[in-house]
Amino acid sequence: MEYLCWYYILFALSLGWFLLRGLFSLIFGEIEADFDLDGDIDSDLSGLFSFKGLLHFAIGFSTYLSVISFWETKSLYVLYNFTTIQYAWAVLVGLCTTLLLFYLYKLTLKADHYNNEQINFDGMTGKITENHQDGTFHVNVSTNFGVRSVEVKQDTEGTYNVGDYVKLILDEETNTYYF
């Protein structure tokens, strides 16, 4: 009776768990970071030594061993005798995978945090992109996080057309932008 080698089983289990967990996070949503009032995301090196870090290491480690074994034997059932150097490379690939995915998660969470942040456009200049009949305009304002569209009301006299640049003023009582 033939069995799969242990590194193929480790690869299948770790990658399967990773994909299943990702699917559940996509469907049901998940918040894994703690946001403080300072705007920083609390993601420190302890995340590397968590179950998620171990899972990422197992994916990188077993992927390297599986590729080398299959390359040399052309079979999933033949046990390949690895050298010490190959194990060292597998550990290095596992560590690199862990670090890469850790920083990828950190950047993704930070981008998501900034994307959902309320931005104060008071005093900023923007370009009118839409002119509505009811006296409201859509103005595109360039920020550090991309171009945002803001609904603005006209408070000054004069005629404004699409393409004109205006300076936004926030009325804090009504939380409405004017120009």
Protein backbone atom coordinates (compact mmCIF):
# COMPACT_ATOMS: atom_id res chain seq x y z
CA MET A 1 0.00 0.00 0.00
CA GLU A 2 1.41 3.38 -1.03
CA TYR A 3 1.01 6.57 0.99
CA LEU A 4 1.69 10.18 0.19
CA CYS A 5 4.88 11.59 1.64
CA TRP A 6 4.55 13.70 4.81
CA TYR A 7 5.49 16.98 3.10
CA TYR A 8 2.73 16.55 0.51
CA ILE A 9 0.24 15.98 3.33
CA LEU A 10 1.57 19.03 5.19
CA PHE A 11 1.28 21.08 1.99
CA ALA A 12 -2.31 19.93 1.34
CA LEU A 13 -3.44 20.54 4.92
CA SER A 14 -1.81 23.95 5.35
CA LEU A 15 -2.85 25.28 1.96
CA GLY A 16 -6.35 23.83 2.36
CA TRP A 17 -6.76 25.48 5.77
CA PHE A 18 -5.40 28.77 4.39
CA LEU A 19 -7.84 28.76 1.45
CA LEU A 20 -10.80 27.65 3.60
CA ARG A 21 -10.09 30.35 6.17
CA GLY A 22 -9.73 32.94 3.40
CA LEU A 23 -13.06 31.87 1.90
CA PHE A 24 -14.81 32.13 5.27
CA SER A 25 -13.27 35.57 5.84
CA LEU A 26 -14.48 36.67 2.43
CA ILE A 27 -18.02 35.40 3.00
CA PHE A 28 -18.57 36.20 6.67
CA GLY A 29 -16.11 39.04 7.15
CA GLU A 30 -13.51 39.30 9.84
CA ILE A 31 -11.70 41.98 11.78
CA GLU A 32 -8.26 40.87 12.89
CA ALA A 33 -6.66 44.18 13.73
CA ASP A 34 -7.14 46.59 16.57
CA PHE A 35 -7.36 50.22 15.55
CA ASP A 36 -6.34 52.91 18.01
CA LEU A 37 -7.18 56.58 18.06
CA ASP A 38 -3.68 57.37 16.82
CA GLY A 39 -4.55 55.86 13.42
CA ASP A 40 -1.93 53.15 13.65
CA ILE A 41 -2.78 49.53 13.15
CA ASP A 42 -1.73 47.28 15.98
CA SER A 43 0.10 44.66 14.01
CA ASP A 44 3.35 43.69 15.63
CA LEU A 45 5.85 40.88 15.39
CA SER A 46 3.78 38.69 17.71
CA GLY A 47 1.60 38.01 14.65
CA LEU A 48 4.54 36.14 13.15
CA PHE A 49 4.49 33.64 16.03
CA SER A 50 0.76 32.95 15.95
CA PHE A 51 -1.13 30.07 14.36
CA LYS A 52 -1.40 32.14 11.20
CA GLY A 53 2.39 32.59 11.15
CA LEU A 54 2.90 28.85 11.66
CA LEU A 55 0.47 28.15 8.84
CA HIS A 56 2.31 30.49 6.47
CA PHE A 57 5.63 28.89 7.41
CA ALA A 58 4.16 25.43 6.74
CA ILE A 59 2.94 26.53 3.32
CA GLY A 60 6.36 27.86 2.27
CA PHE A 61 8.32 25.00 3.86
CA SER A 62 6.18 22.20 2.43
CA THR A 63 5.90 23.87 -0.98
CA TYR A 64 9.67 23.92 -1.37
CA LEU A 65 10.04 20.30 -0.25
CA SER A 66 7.16 19.14 -2.45
CA VAL A 67 8.52 20.86 -5.55
CA ILE A 68 12.04 19.46 -5.02
CA SER A 69 10.73 15.95 -4.34
CA PHE A 70 8.43 15.89 -7.34
CA TRP A 71 11.15 17.39 -9.56
CA GLU A 72 13.62 14.66 -8.60
CA THR A 73 11.31 11.59 -8.41
CA LYS A 74 8.44 12.51 -10.79
CA SER A 75 6.10 10.79 -8.31
CA LEU A 76 3.99 11.74 -5.32
CA TYR A 77 4.55 8.37 -3.64
CA VAL A 78 8.33 8.00 -3.70
CA LEU A 79 10.03 9.26 -0.55
CA TYR A 80 12.90 11.55 -1.45
CA ASN A 81 15.93 11.83 0.83
CA PHE A 82 16.63 15.52 1.29
CA THR A 83 20.04 16.89 2.09
CA THR A 84 20.67 19.24 5.00
CA ILE A 85 21.09 22.11 2.55
CA GLN A 86 17.68 21.40 1.03
CA TYR A 87 16.07 21.43 4.49
CA ALA A 88 17.85 24.70 5.22
CA TRP A 89 16.49 26.17 1.99
CA ALA A 90 13.00 24.92 2.89
CA VAL A 91 13.24 26.66 6.28
CA LEU A 92 14.43 29.85 4.58
CA VAL A 93 11.57 29.70 2.06
CA GLY A 94 9.12 29.11 4.92
CA LEU A 95 10.45 32.12 6.84
CA CYS A 96 10.34 34.31 3.73
CA THR A 97 6.76 33.23 3.03
CA THR A 98 5.80 34.07 6.62
CA LEU A 99 7.40 37.51 6.48
CA LEU A 100 5.99 38.27 3.03
CA LEU A 101 2.43 37.38 3.99
CA PHE A 102 2.76 39.20 7.34
CA TYR A 103 3.72 42.45 5.62
CA LEU A 104 1.10 41.89 2.90
CA TYR A 105 -1.61 41.55 5.58
CA LYS A 106 -0.29 44.61 7.37
CA LEU A 107 -0.35 46.73 4.19
CA THR A 108 -3.82 45.48 3.27
CA LEU A 109 -5.25 46.31 6.68
CA LYS A 110 -3.63 49.73 6.64
CA ALA A 111 -4.98 50.50 3.15
CA ASP A 112 -8.46 49.34 4.20
CA HIS A 113 -8.28 51.53 7.31
CA TYR A 114 -7.32 54.62 5.28
CA ASN A 115 -9.92 53.86 2.64
CA ASN A 116 -12.72 53.92 5.23
CA GLU A 117 -11.41 56.96 7.08
CA GLN A 118 -13.50 60.13 7.05
CA ILE A 119 -11.45 62.89 5.43
CA ASN A 120 -11.91 66.58 6.21
CA PHE A 121 -11.89 68.51 2.93
CA ASP A 122 -12.17 71.97 4.57
CA GLY A 123 -9.84 74.43 2.83
CA MET A 124 -8.94 72.01 0.02
CA THR A 125 -9.27 72.86 -3.66
CA GLY A 126 -11.08 70.59 -6.07
CA LYS A 127 -12.33 70.39 -9.64
CA ILE A 128 -16.06 70.47 -10.43
CA THR A 129 -17.03 67.28 -12.25
CA GLU A 130 -20.85 67.47 -12.16
CA ASN A 131 -23.28 70.38 -12.01
CA HIS A 132 -26.77 69.48 -10.77
CA GLN A 133 -29.86 71.62 -11.32
CA ASP A 134 -30.60 71.91 -7.59
CA GLY A 135 -27.43 73.96 -6.94
CA THR A 136 -25.27 71.06 -5.82
CA PHE A 137 -22.03 70.05 -7.47
CA HIS A 138 -19.74 67.06 -7.36
CA VAL A 139 -16.14 68.13 -6.81
CA ASN A 140 -13.13 65.83 -7.14
CA VAL A 141 -10.51 66.51 -4.46
CA SER A 142 -7.05 64.98 -4.61
CA THR A 143 -5.86 63.54 -1.26
CA ASN A 144 -2.97 61.37 -0.12
CA PHE A 145 -5.25 58.36 -0.49
CA GLY A 146 -6.53 59.07 -4.00
CA VAL A 147 -9.12 61.29 -5.62
CA ARG A 148 -12.38 61.61 -3.68
CA SER A 149 -15.69 62.94 -4.94
CA VAL A 150 -17.51 65.34 -2.59
CA GLU A 151 -21.00 66.77 -2.85
CA VAL A 152 -20.79 70.57 -2.50
CA LYS A 153 -23.31 73.42 -2.49
CA GLN A 154 -22.71 76.82 -4.04
CA ASP A 155 -22.59 79.62 -1.45
CA THR A 156 -20.97 82.35 -3.52
CA GLU A 157 -22.39 84.34 -6.37
CA GLY A 158 -21.32 83.63 -9.90
CA THR A 159 -21.53 80.95 -12.52
CA TYR A 160 -19.46 77.81 -12.20
CA ASN A 161 -18.98 75.21 -14.90
CA VAL A 162 -17.64 71.69 -15.03
CA GLY A 163 -13.85 71.87 -14.98
CA ASP A 164 -13.62 74.96 -12.74
CA TYR A 165 -11.54 74.76 -9.56
CA VAL A 166 -13.12 75.79 -6.27
CA LYS A 167 -12.02 75.98 -2.63
CA LEU A 168 -14.19 73.99 -0.22
CA ILE A 169 -15.48 75.43 3.06
CA LEU A 170 -17.08 73.22 5.72
CA ASP A 171 -20.14 74.41 7.64
CA GLU A 172 -19.65 72.48 10.87
CA GLU A 173 -23.24 72.97 12.06
CA THR A 174 -24.80 71.26 9.05
CA ASN A 175 -21.69 69.21 8.11
CA THR A 176 -22.08 70.47 4.53
CA TYR A 177 -19.38 71.70 2.15
CA TYR A 178 -19.79 74.99 0.29
CA PHE A 179 -17.69 77.05 -2.11
